[in-house]
N, C-alpha and C. Protein backbone atom coordinates (compact mmCIF):
# COMPACT_ATOMS: atom_id res chain seq x y z
N UNK A 1 23.38 -8.27 4.91
CA UNK A 1 22.29 -7.86 4.06
C UNK A 1 22.83 -6.83 3.06
N UNK A 2 22.41 -6.93 1.82
CA UNK A 2 22.86 -6.02 0.80
C UNK A 2 22.04 -4.74 0.81
N UNK A 3 22.65 -3.70 0.30
CA UNK A 3 22.02 -2.38 0.29
C UNK A 3 20.67 -2.41 -0.41
N UNK A 4 20.59 -3.08 -1.57
CA UNK A 4 19.32 -3.15 -2.31
C UNK A 4 18.22 -3.82 -1.49
N UNK A 5 18.59 -4.82 -0.70
CA UNK A 5 17.61 -5.47 0.17
C UNK A 5 17.08 -4.50 1.23
N UNK A 6 17.97 -3.67 1.75
CA UNK A 6 17.56 -2.67 2.74
C UNK A 6 16.60 -1.65 2.12
N UNK A 7 16.89 -1.25 0.87
CA UNK A 7 16.01 -0.32 0.16
C UNK A 7 14.65 -0.98 -0.05
N UNK A 8 14.64 -2.23 -0.49
CA UNK A 8 13.40 -2.97 -0.75
C UNK A 8 12.55 -3.11 0.51
N UNK A 9 13.20 -3.32 1.65
CA UNK A 9 12.49 -3.48 2.92
C UNK A 9 11.99 -2.16 3.48
N UNK A 10 12.43 -1.03 2.89
CA UNK A 10 11.98 0.27 3.36
C UNK A 10 12.82 0.85 4.48
N UNK A 11 13.97 0.25 4.73
CA UNK A 11 14.84 0.75 5.80
C UNK A 11 15.66 1.94 5.30
N UNK A 12 16.00 1.95 4.01
CA UNK A 12 16.73 3.06 3.40
C UNK A 12 15.74 3.85 2.57
N UNK A 13 15.73 5.15 2.75
CA UNK A 13 14.83 6.02 1.99
C UNK A 13 13.88 6.75 2.92
N UNK A 14 12.82 7.29 2.34
CA UNK A 14 11.86 8.04 3.17
C UNK A 14 11.10 7.12 4.12
N UNK A 15 10.58 7.69 5.19
CA UNK A 15 9.80 6.88 6.11
C UNK A 15 8.57 6.36 5.39
N UNK A 16 8.10 5.20 5.82
CA UNK A 16 6.99 4.53 5.14
C UNK A 16 5.85 4.29 6.11
N UNK A 17 5.22 5.38 6.51
CA UNK A 17 4.17 5.32 7.52
C UNK A 17 3.02 4.39 7.14
N UNK A 18 2.59 4.44 5.89
CA UNK A 18 1.48 3.57 5.50
C UNK A 18 1.86 2.10 5.62
N UNK A 19 3.10 1.75 5.29
CA UNK A 19 3.56 0.37 5.47
C UNK A 19 3.56 -0.01 6.94
N UNK A 20 3.96 0.92 7.82
CA UNK A 20 3.98 0.65 9.25
C UNK A 20 2.56 0.41 9.76
N UNK A 21 1.64 1.26 9.30
CA UNK A 21 0.25 1.12 9.72
C UNK A 21 -0.32 -0.21 9.25
N UNK A 22 -0.03 -0.58 7.99
CA UNK A 22 -0.48 -1.87 7.47
C UNK A 22 0.11 -3.03 8.28
N UNK A 23 1.38 -2.92 8.64
CA UNK A 23 2.03 -3.98 9.43
C UNK A 23 1.37 -4.10 10.80
N UNK A 24 1.10 -2.99 11.45
CA UNK A 24 0.46 -3.01 12.77
C UNK A 24 -0.93 -3.64 12.68
N UNK A 25 -1.69 -3.25 11.67
CA UNK A 25 -3.03 -3.82 11.48
C UNK A 25 -2.96 -5.32 11.22
N UNK A 26 -2.01 -5.74 10.36
CA UNK A 26 -1.85 -7.15 10.06
C UNK A 26 -1.47 -7.97 11.28
N UNK A 27 -0.57 -7.45 12.10
CA UNK A 27 -0.14 -8.15 13.32
C UNK A 27 -1.32 -8.26 14.29
N UNK A 28 -2.05 -7.16 14.46
CA UNK A 28 -3.21 -7.16 15.37
C UNK A 28 -4.22 -8.23 14.95
N UNK A 29 -4.50 -8.30 13.66
CA UNK A 29 -5.48 -9.27 13.17
C UNK A 29 -4.95 -10.70 13.26
N UNK A 30 -3.70 -10.92 12.87
CA UNK A 30 -3.12 -12.26 12.89
C UNK A 30 -3.03 -12.82 14.31
N UNK A 31 -2.70 -11.98 15.26
CA UNK A 31 -2.55 -12.41 16.65
C UNK A 31 -3.85 -12.29 17.45
N UNK A 32 -4.88 -11.76 16.81
CA UNK A 32 -6.17 -11.56 17.48
C UNK A 32 -6.01 -10.77 18.78
N UNK A 33 -5.32 -9.66 18.65
CA UNK A 33 -5.06 -8.81 19.81
C UNK A 33 -6.26 -7.92 20.09
N UNK A 34 -6.33 -7.45 21.32
CA UNK A 34 -7.38 -6.51 21.71
C UNK A 34 -7.03 -5.15 21.12
N UNK A 35 -7.51 -4.12 21.73
CA UNK A 35 -7.33 -2.75 21.26
C UNK A 35 -5.86 -2.35 21.18
N UNK A 36 -5.49 -1.69 20.08
CA UNK A 36 -4.17 -1.08 19.92
C UNK A 36 -4.37 0.36 19.50
N UNK A 37 -3.80 1.27 20.25
CA UNK A 37 -3.82 2.70 19.90
C UNK A 37 -2.38 3.14 19.76
N UNK A 38 -2.12 3.98 18.77
CA UNK A 38 -0.76 4.46 18.57
C UNK A 38 -0.77 5.83 17.91
N UNK A 39 0.32 6.55 18.10
CA UNK A 39 0.54 7.83 17.45
C UNK A 39 2.01 7.88 17.04
N UNK A 40 2.25 8.25 15.80
CA UNK A 40 3.62 8.31 15.29
C UNK A 40 4.02 9.78 15.18
N UNK A 41 5.08 10.15 15.87
CA UNK A 41 5.56 11.53 15.87
C UNK A 41 6.28 11.83 14.55
N UNK A 42 6.46 13.11 14.23
CA UNK A 42 7.20 13.47 13.01
C UNK A 42 8.63 12.92 13.05
N UNK A 43 9.14 12.61 11.88
CA UNK A 43 10.49 12.07 11.77
C UNK A 43 11.52 13.13 12.14
N UNK A 44 12.60 12.68 12.78
CA UNK A 44 13.70 13.58 13.17
C UNK A 44 15.00 12.79 13.13
N UNK A 45 16.13 13.48 13.16
CA UNK A 45 17.42 12.75 13.19
C UNK A 45 17.53 11.90 14.45
N UNK A 46 18.10 10.73 14.30
CA UNK A 46 18.31 9.82 15.42
C UNK A 46 19.37 10.42 16.33
N UNK A 47 19.12 10.44 17.63
CA UNK A 47 20.05 11.06 18.57
C UNK A 47 20.60 10.07 19.59
N UNK A 48 20.86 8.85 19.15
CA UNK A 48 21.45 7.86 20.03
C UNK A 48 22.92 8.17 20.22
N UNK A 49 23.48 7.91 21.40
CA UNK A 49 24.91 8.12 21.62
C UNK A 49 25.74 7.28 20.63
N UNK A 50 26.72 7.93 20.01
CA UNK A 50 27.61 7.23 19.10
C UNK A 50 27.12 7.13 17.67
N UNK A 51 25.91 7.64 17.38
CA UNK A 51 25.39 7.61 16.01
C UNK A 51 25.52 9.02 15.43
N UNK A 52 26.29 9.13 14.37
CA UNK A 52 26.53 10.44 13.75
C UNK A 52 25.75 10.56 12.45
N UNK A 53 25.28 11.76 12.15
CA UNK A 53 24.60 12.06 10.90
C UNK A 53 25.46 13.06 10.15
N UNK A 54 25.80 12.73 8.89
CA UNK A 54 26.64 13.60 8.09
C UNK A 54 25.93 13.94 6.78
N UNK A 55 25.88 15.23 6.46
CA UNK A 55 25.27 15.66 5.20
C UNK A 55 23.83 15.23 5.09
N UNK A 56 23.45 14.75 3.90
CA UNK A 56 22.07 14.33 3.65
C UNK A 56 21.82 12.89 4.09
N UNK A 57 22.87 12.14 4.35
CA UNK A 57 22.70 10.75 4.77
C UNK A 57 22.72 10.67 6.29
N UNK A 58 21.92 9.81 6.83
CA UNK A 58 21.93 9.62 8.27
C UNK A 58 20.72 8.85 8.74
N UNK A 59 20.80 8.40 9.97
CA UNK A 59 19.70 7.65 10.56
C UNK A 59 18.63 8.62 11.04
N UNK A 60 17.38 8.23 10.76
CA UNK A 60 16.23 9.03 11.17
C UNK A 60 15.33 8.15 12.03
N UNK A 61 14.56 8.79 12.88
CA UNK A 61 13.67 8.04 13.77
C UNK A 61 12.29 8.71 13.79
N UNK A 62 11.29 7.87 13.78
CA UNK A 62 9.91 8.31 14.00
C UNK A 62 9.47 7.58 15.27
N UNK A 63 9.24 8.32 16.31
CA UNK A 63 8.88 7.71 17.60
C UNK A 63 7.38 7.42 17.63
N UNK A 64 7.05 6.20 18.03
CA UNK A 64 5.65 5.79 18.11
C UNK A 64 5.29 5.54 19.57
N UNK A 65 4.21 6.18 20.00
CA UNK A 65 3.64 5.92 21.33
C UNK A 65 2.56 4.87 21.13
N UNK A 66 2.65 3.78 21.88
CA UNK A 66 1.78 2.63 21.70
C UNK A 66 1.05 2.33 23.00
N UNK A 67 -0.25 2.10 22.90
CA UNK A 67 -1.08 1.74 24.05
C UNK A 67 -1.87 0.50 23.64
N UNK A 68 -1.68 -0.62 24.35
CA UNK A 68 -2.31 -1.89 23.98
C UNK A 68 -3.00 -2.53 25.18
N UNK A 69 -4.10 -3.20 24.90
CA UNK A 69 -4.72 -4.06 25.90
C UNK A 69 -4.26 -5.48 25.61
N UNK A 70 -3.84 -6.21 26.67
CA UNK A 70 -3.23 -7.52 26.50
C UNK A 70 -3.93 -8.57 27.36
N UNK A 71 -3.90 -9.78 26.87
CA UNK A 71 -4.35 -10.91 27.68
C UNK A 71 -3.23 -11.29 28.64
N UNK A 72 -1.98 -11.27 28.13
CA UNK A 72 -0.79 -11.54 28.95
C UNK A 72 0.41 -10.88 28.29
N UNK A 73 1.55 -10.89 28.98
CA UNK A 73 2.75 -10.18 28.53
C UNK A 73 3.26 -10.66 27.18
N UNK A 74 3.06 -11.94 26.89
CA UNK A 74 3.57 -12.49 25.64
C UNK A 74 2.92 -11.82 24.41
N UNK A 75 1.72 -11.29 24.57
CA UNK A 75 1.09 -10.57 23.46
C UNK A 75 1.94 -9.38 23.04
N UNK A 76 2.48 -8.65 24.00
CA UNK A 76 3.33 -7.51 23.69
C UNK A 76 4.64 -7.96 23.05
N UNK A 77 5.28 -8.97 23.63
CA UNK A 77 6.54 -9.46 23.09
C UNK A 77 6.36 -9.99 21.67
N UNK A 78 5.28 -10.70 21.43
CA UNK A 78 4.99 -11.21 20.09
C UNK A 78 4.74 -10.08 19.10
N UNK A 79 4.01 -9.05 19.53
CA UNK A 79 3.75 -7.90 18.67
C UNK A 79 5.06 -7.23 18.26
N UNK A 80 5.94 -6.99 19.23
CA UNK A 80 7.22 -6.33 18.94
C UNK A 80 8.08 -7.18 18.00
N UNK A 81 8.12 -8.48 18.23
CA UNK A 81 8.89 -9.37 17.36
C UNK A 81 8.32 -9.38 15.95
N UNK A 82 7.00 -9.43 15.83
CA UNK A 82 6.38 -9.43 14.51
C UNK A 82 6.59 -8.11 13.77
N UNK A 83 6.55 -7.01 14.50
CA UNK A 83 6.78 -5.70 13.88
C UNK A 83 8.18 -5.65 13.28
N UNK A 84 9.17 -6.11 14.02
CA UNK A 84 10.53 -6.12 13.52
C UNK A 84 10.68 -7.11 12.36
N UNK A 85 10.05 -8.27 12.46
CA UNK A 85 10.17 -9.30 11.43
C UNK A 85 9.37 -8.96 10.17
N UNK A 86 8.45 -8.02 10.26
CA UNK A 86 7.60 -7.69 9.11
C UNK A 86 8.42 -7.13 7.95
N UNK A 87 9.60 -6.63 8.24
CA UNK A 87 10.41 -6.03 7.19
C UNK A 87 9.96 -4.64 6.82
N UNK A 88 8.95 -4.13 7.48
CA UNK A 88 8.43 -2.79 7.19
C UNK A 88 9.07 -1.73 8.05
N UNK A 89 9.77 -2.16 9.08
CA UNK A 89 10.40 -1.20 9.99
C UNK A 89 11.53 -1.87 10.74
N UNK A 90 12.54 -1.10 11.03
CA UNK A 90 13.53 -1.52 12.00
C UNK A 90 13.12 -0.79 13.26
N UNK A 91 12.79 -1.54 14.27
CA UNK A 91 12.24 -0.91 15.47
C UNK A 91 13.09 -1.21 16.69
N UNK A 92 12.99 -0.29 17.64
CA UNK A 92 13.66 -0.44 18.93
C UNK A 92 12.68 0.02 19.99
N UNK A 93 12.40 -0.85 20.93
CA UNK A 93 11.50 -0.49 22.02
C UNK A 93 12.31 0.34 23.03
N UNK A 94 12.00 1.62 23.12
CA UNK A 94 12.73 2.52 24.02
C UNK A 94 12.24 2.41 25.45
N UNK A 95 10.92 2.31 25.63
CA UNK A 95 10.35 2.14 26.96
C UNK A 95 9.15 1.21 26.88
N UNK A 96 8.89 0.50 27.94
CA UNK A 96 7.70 -0.35 28.02
C UNK A 96 7.28 -0.49 29.47
N UNK A 97 6.00 -0.40 29.70
CA UNK A 97 5.45 -0.58 31.04
C UNK A 97 4.08 -1.22 30.90
N UNK A 98 3.75 -2.06 31.86
CA UNK A 98 2.42 -2.66 31.84
C UNK A 98 1.81 -2.56 33.24
N UNK A 99 0.50 -2.57 33.26
CA UNK A 99 -0.24 -2.52 34.51
C UNK A 99 -1.53 -3.29 34.32
N UNK A 100 -2.15 -3.67 35.41
CA UNK A 100 -3.41 -4.39 35.32
C UNK A 100 -4.46 -3.49 34.68
N UNK A 101 -5.21 -4.06 33.75
CA UNK A 101 -6.30 -3.33 33.11
C UNK A 101 -7.47 -3.24 34.09
N UNK A 102 -8.26 -2.20 33.93
CA UNK A 102 -9.44 -2.06 34.78
C UNK A 102 -10.38 -3.20 34.50
N UNK A 103 -10.84 -3.86 35.53
CA UNK A 103 -11.74 -5.00 35.39
C UNK A 103 -13.15 -4.58 35.73
N UNK A 104 -14.07 -4.93 34.85
CA UNK A 104 -15.49 -4.69 35.11
C UNK A 104 -16.05 -5.88 35.88
N UNK A 105 -17.33 -6.05 35.80
CA UNK A 105 -17.98 -7.20 36.44
C UNK A 105 -17.49 -8.49 35.77
N UNK A 106 -17.35 -9.56 36.53
CA UNK A 106 -16.91 -10.83 35.94
C UNK A 106 -17.84 -11.26 34.81
N UNK A 107 -17.23 -11.80 33.75
CA UNK A 107 -18.03 -12.27 32.62
C UNK A 107 -17.45 -13.58 32.11
N UNK A 108 -18.17 -14.23 31.23
CA UNK A 108 -17.73 -15.51 30.68
C UNK A 108 -16.86 -15.32 29.44
N UNK A 109 -16.70 -14.12 28.98
CA UNK A 109 -15.88 -13.86 27.79
C UNK A 109 -14.44 -13.56 28.19
N UNK A 110 -13.56 -13.73 27.24
CA UNK A 110 -12.14 -13.42 27.48
C UNK A 110 -11.98 -11.91 27.44
N UNK A 111 -11.38 -11.36 28.48
CA UNK A 111 -11.17 -9.92 28.56
C UNK A 111 -9.70 -9.64 28.80
N UNK A 112 -9.23 -8.46 28.36
CA UNK A 112 -7.82 -8.11 28.58
C UNK A 112 -7.50 -7.98 30.06
N UNK A 113 -6.32 -8.43 30.42
CA UNK A 113 -5.89 -8.39 31.82
C UNK A 113 -4.88 -7.28 32.08
N UNK A 114 -4.17 -6.84 31.02
CA UNK A 114 -3.11 -5.85 31.16
C UNK A 114 -3.27 -4.72 30.16
N UNK A 115 -2.69 -3.59 30.50
CA UNK A 115 -2.55 -2.47 29.57
C UNK A 115 -1.06 -2.16 29.48
N UNK A 116 -0.54 -2.11 28.26
CA UNK A 116 0.87 -1.81 28.05
C UNK A 116 1.01 -0.45 27.38
N UNK A 117 2.00 0.31 27.83
CA UNK A 117 2.35 1.59 27.22
C UNK A 117 3.81 1.49 26.82
N UNK A 118 4.09 1.76 25.55
CA UNK A 118 5.45 1.65 25.03
C UNK A 118 5.80 2.86 24.19
N UNK A 119 7.09 3.09 24.10
CA UNK A 119 7.63 4.04 23.15
C UNK A 119 8.55 3.23 22.24
N UNK A 120 8.24 3.26 20.95
CA UNK A 120 9.00 2.47 19.98
C UNK A 120 9.59 3.40 18.95
N UNK A 121 10.88 3.25 18.70
CA UNK A 121 11.56 4.03 17.67
C UNK A 121 11.54 3.25 16.37
N UNK A 122 10.97 3.85 15.31
CA UNK A 122 10.95 3.27 13.97
C UNK A 122 12.08 3.96 13.20
N UNK A 123 13.09 3.20 12.84
CA UNK A 123 14.35 3.77 12.35
C UNK A 123 14.50 3.53 10.85
N UNK A 124 14.89 4.58 10.13
CA UNK A 124 15.20 4.49 8.72
C UNK A 124 16.55 5.16 8.46
N UNK A 125 17.11 4.90 7.31
CA UNK A 125 18.37 5.50 6.89
C UNK A 125 18.07 6.38 5.69
N UNK A 126 18.34 7.66 5.83
CA UNK A 126 18.06 8.63 4.76
C UNK A 126 19.32 8.85 3.93
N UNK A 127 19.10 8.98 2.64
CA UNK A 127 20.21 9.34 1.75
C UNK A 127 21.04 8.17 1.32
N UNK A 128 22.18 8.45 0.72
CA UNK A 128 23.06 7.41 0.23
C UNK A 128 22.78 7.10 -1.22
N UNK A 129 23.60 6.26 -1.80
CA UNK A 129 23.44 5.88 -3.20
C UNK A 129 22.32 4.87 -3.34
N UNK A 130 21.72 4.81 -4.52
CA UNK A 130 20.64 3.85 -4.77
C UNK A 130 21.07 2.80 -5.77
N UNK A 131 22.19 2.19 -5.53
CA UNK A 131 22.74 1.19 -6.42
C UNK A 131 21.87 -0.03 -6.52
């Protein structure tokens, strides 16, 4: 991938929270997902082993805490794949856990069966030339 393509996709440059929010909303609507709650922490330097930040250029991460109601596990996997494919974020799922959702009285409507809690790193590259 060329540098200009990375800039166009929003991977290089400042974080693009509004684009991330739009992508999450679009994925939720397209996949007809149940409730999605999330909080995006302030951006900070990426602290993965082996990743160095020098000067003004370097990898940055905005950690997102995600809480979703799911019909089945594939809803989560599809959401994560779509988020990465949206081109609005380079993401890495740092943690994921699911548990049975609380069930009310039986009903004839489709209800969520699982609750997933994830930590997702939204990664950008700060600085560099803008060729």
